[in-house]
Protein backbone atom coordinates (compact mmCIF):
# COMPACT_ATOMS: atom_id res chain seq x y z
CA MET A 1 4.06 13.87 3.38
CA ALA A 2 6.89 16.71 2.89
CA ARG A 3 5.15 19.07 5.48
CA GLY A 4 5.16 16.25 7.68
CA GLY A 5 8.77 15.62 7.64
CA VAL A 6 8.71 12.09 5.84
CA LEU A 7 9.79 13.45 2.54
CA PRO A 8 12.37 16.58 1.90
CA ALA A 9 10.61 19.87 2.96
CA ARG A 10 11.52 21.23 -0.70
CA LEU A 11 8.47 18.84 -1.93
CA ALA A 12 6.08 21.09 0.20
CA ASN A 13 7.00 24.20 -1.49
CA THR A 14 3.75 25.68 -3.61
CA ASN A 15 3.58 28.24 -6.47
CA ARG A 16 1.86 31.60 -6.07
CA ARG A 17 -1.65 29.88 -6.72
CA GLY A 18 -0.86 27.19 -3.74
CA ALA A 19 -0.29 24.12 -6.11
CA PRO A 20 2.29 21.80 -4.70
CA ALA A 21 5.06 22.69 -7.33
CA GLY A 22 7.63 20.46 -6.00
CA GLY A 23 5.46 17.45 -5.84
CA VAL A 24 4.27 18.20 -9.42
CA TRP A 25 7.98 18.08 -10.59
CA THR A 26 9.02 15.26 -8.77
CA THR A 27 5.93 13.47 -10.04
CA SER A 28 6.55 14.30 -13.32
CA ILE A 29 10.26 13.21 -13.10
CA ILE A 30 9.53 9.74 -11.73
CA THR A 31 6.85 9.30 -14.63
CA LEU A 32 9.46 10.20 -17.13
CA ILE A 33 11.90 7.66 -15.43
CA VAL A 34 9.21 4.99 -15.40
CA MET A 35 8.24 5.54 -19.16
CA GLY A 36 11.83 5.67 -20.20
CA LEU A 37 12.73 2.12 -18.33
CA PHE A 38 9.58 0.50 -19.96
CA ALA A 39 10.46 1.91 -23.27
CA ILE A 40 14.20 0.68 -22.66
CA PHE A 41 13.06 -2.99 -21.76
CA ALA A 42 10.26 -3.39 -24.21
CA LEU A 43 7.67 -3.70 -21.48
CA ASP A 44 3.93 -3.27 -22.04
CA PRO A 45 2.34 -0.40 -19.93
CA VAL A 46 -0.87 -2.19 -19.46
CA LEU A 47 -0.04 -5.96 -18.94
CA ASN A 48 3.07 -5.29 -16.75
CA LEU A 49 2.86 -1.72 -15.06
CA PHE A 50 -0.97 -1.79 -14.50
CA TYR A 51 -1.20 -5.32 -13.69
CA TRP A 52 1.54 -4.91 -11.26
CA MET A 53 0.06 -1.59 -9.33
CA SER A 54 -3.34 -2.55 -9.26
CA THR A 55 -2.49 -6.07 -7.94
CA VAL A 56 -0.42 -4.56 -5.17
CA ALA A 57 -2.89 -1.63 -4.58
CA VAL A 58 -5.34 -4.62 -3.65
CA LEU A 59 -2.65 -5.92 -1.32
CA ALA A 60 -2.19 -2.66 0.33
CA ILE A 61 -6.09 -2.00 0.44
CA VAL A 62 -6.90 -5.52 2.23
CA LEU A 63 -3.98 -4.96 4.74
CA VAL A 64 -5.44 -1.36 5.74
CA GLU A 65 -8.63 -3.12 6.41
CA ILE A 66 -7.25 -5.86 8.25
CA PHE A 67 -5.89 -3.25 10.61
CA VAL A 68 -9.11 -0.81 10.55
CA SER A 69 -11.01 -3.85 11.61
CA ILE A 70 -8.53 -4.49 14.67
CA ALA A 71 -8.65 -0.80 15.35
CA VAL A 72 -12.30 -0.96 15.74
CA ILE A 73 -11.89 -3.86 18.33
CA ALA A 74 -9.40 -1.80 20.15
CA TYR A 75 -11.30 1.57 20.00
CA PHE A 76 -14.47 -0.36 21.69
CA MET A 77 -12.48 -2.14 24.31
CA LYS A 78 -11.38 1.32 25.80
CA ASN A 79 -14.62 3.32 24.76
CA GLU A 80 -18.55 2.46 25.21
CA GLY A 81 -20.91 2.88 22.10
CA ALA A 82 -21.15 -0.41 20.65
CA ASN A 83 -22.74 -3.96 21.68
CA VAL A 84 -20.75 -7.23 21.68
CA TRP A 85 -21.39 -7.61 17.95
CA GLN A 86 -20.58 -4.36 16.59
CA GLY A 87 -17.29 -3.80 18.77
CA LYS A 88 -15.99 -7.23 19.13
CA ILE A 89 -17.56 -10.06 16.97
CA ALA A 90 -18.12 -8.43 13.45
CA PRO A 91 -14.56 -6.59 13.35
CA ALA A 92 -12.81 -10.10 14.19
CA LEU A 93 -14.67 -11.67 11.93
CA ALA A 94 -14.11 -8.72 9.13
CA ALA A 95 -10.47 -8.99 10.12
CA ILE A 96 -10.51 -12.84 9.79
CA GLY A 97 -12.29 -12.51 6.17
CA MET A 98 -9.42 -9.90 5.20
CA ALA A 99 -6.71 -12.25 6.27
CA LEU A 100 -8.32 -15.16 4.15
CA ALA A 101 -8.46 -12.86 1.24
CA MET A 102 -4.67 -11.54 1.43
CA TYR A 103 -3.66 -15.25 1.40
CA LEU A 104 -6.00 -16.03 -1.85
CA VAL A 105 -4.49 -12.81 -3.40
CA VAL A 106 -0.92 -13.52 -2.54
CA ALA A 107 -1.51 -17.44 -3.35
CA ARG A 108 -2.56 -16.12 -7.03
CA PHE A 109 -0.56 -13.04 -7.31
CA ASN A 110 1.41 -15.10 -10.10
CA LEU A 111 -1.51 -15.00 -11.93
CA LEU A 112 -3.30 -11.94 -11.31
CA ALA A 113 0.13 -9.51 -11.84
CA GLY A 114 1.71 -11.81 -14.38
CA THR A 115 4.72 -12.51 -12.14
CA VAL A 116 5.05 -16.19 -12.49
CA ALA A 117 8.09 -17.76 -11.96
CA ASP A 118 9.89 -19.31 -15.13
CA GLY A 119 8.53 -22.71 -16.19
CA VAL A 120 5.30 -22.48 -14.05
CA ASP A 121 2.05 -22.83 -15.41
CA PRO A 122 0.09 -20.00 -13.14
CA THR A 123 -3.56 -21.76 -13.92
CA LEU A 124 -2.54 -25.02 -12.19
CA PRO A 125 -3.50 -25.59 -8.49
CA GLU A 126 -0.06 -26.74 -7.76
CA SER A 127 1.48 -23.02 -8.78
CA ALA A 128 0.17 -21.19 -5.85
CA PHE A 129 2.99 -18.95 -4.31
CA ALA A 130 5.13 -19.89 -7.48
CA LEU A 131 6.14 -15.93 -8.07
CA SER A 132 9.30 -14.59 -9.52
CA PRO A 133 11.80 -12.68 -7.74
CA LEU A 134 9.79 -9.43 -8.98
CA GLY A 135 6.58 -10.95 -7.87
CA TRP A 136 7.83 -11.45 -4.33
CA PHE A 137 9.23 -8.12 -4.21
CA LEU A 138 6.00 -6.79 -5.22
CA VAL A 139 3.93 -8.98 -2.75
CA ALA A 140 6.43 -7.37 0.05
CA LEU A 141 5.96 -3.83 -1.21
CA PRO A 142 2.91 -3.10 1.09
CA LEU A 143 4.91 -4.57 3.96
CA ILE A 144 7.89 -2.72 3.21
CA PHE A 145 6.01 0.68 3.23
CA LEU A 146 4.43 -0.15 6.69
CA VAL A 147 7.61 -0.82 8.03
CA ILE A 148 8.63 2.45 6.64
CA GLY A 149 5.67 4.47 7.64
CA LEU A 150 6.02 2.85 11.28
CA ILE A 151 10.03 3.87 11.60
CA SER A 152 8.97 7.42 10.16
CA GLY A 153 6.04 7.62 12.71
CA VAL A 154 8.14 7.07 15.53
CA VAL A 155 11.26 9.36 14.41
CA ASN A 156 9.07 12.31 13.08
CA LYS A 157 6.61 12.44 16.05
CA LYS A 158 6.70 15.88 16.64
CA GLU A 159 6.12 16.76 12.94
CA ASN A 160 3.29 14.28 12.85
CA LYS A 161 1.68 15.94 15.95
CA SER A 162 1.68 19.43 13.94
CA LEU A 163 0.70 18.10 10.75
CA THR A 164 -2.55 16.20 12.16
CA GLU A 165 -3.50 19.27 14.06
CA ASP A 166 -3.23 21.06 10.74
CA ILE A 167 -5.09 18.47 8.59
CA LEU A 168 -7.88 18.28 11.30
CA SER A 169 -8.07 22.26 12.29
């Protein structure tokens, strides 16, 4: 991402063996900060960080799968190579199914990630969408990064083109 102009160029620096030294140091520092915050606030890394991030990852993956299904439809509307089922109906059904999955995960995010609002029993049906502010922030993270990515793609169009050529070569 540093080579693509999204992150500072210094993070793209490599050591003499070709390992991304800037990225390794940055990741290590961020990890130490997160560990320190968890120690200060006496948070359980499994019950908090693991469940938070794994549930956010599920949301992000489902979001990507929705976009992939839509991209398949768009691709086969412009190109040949698929029948109606393969190019339109199946990907549309997949997008609808993934959207339903996204709805269900967000509805029960409080139970899955342990981010229930105060005074709410997350096991009850009426507790759907009853999230703490942290829960809503975590739900919004994939969308926040989607917007950041879209803006970055527009701003860094030249760098992204050269990076894509470098990766595909």
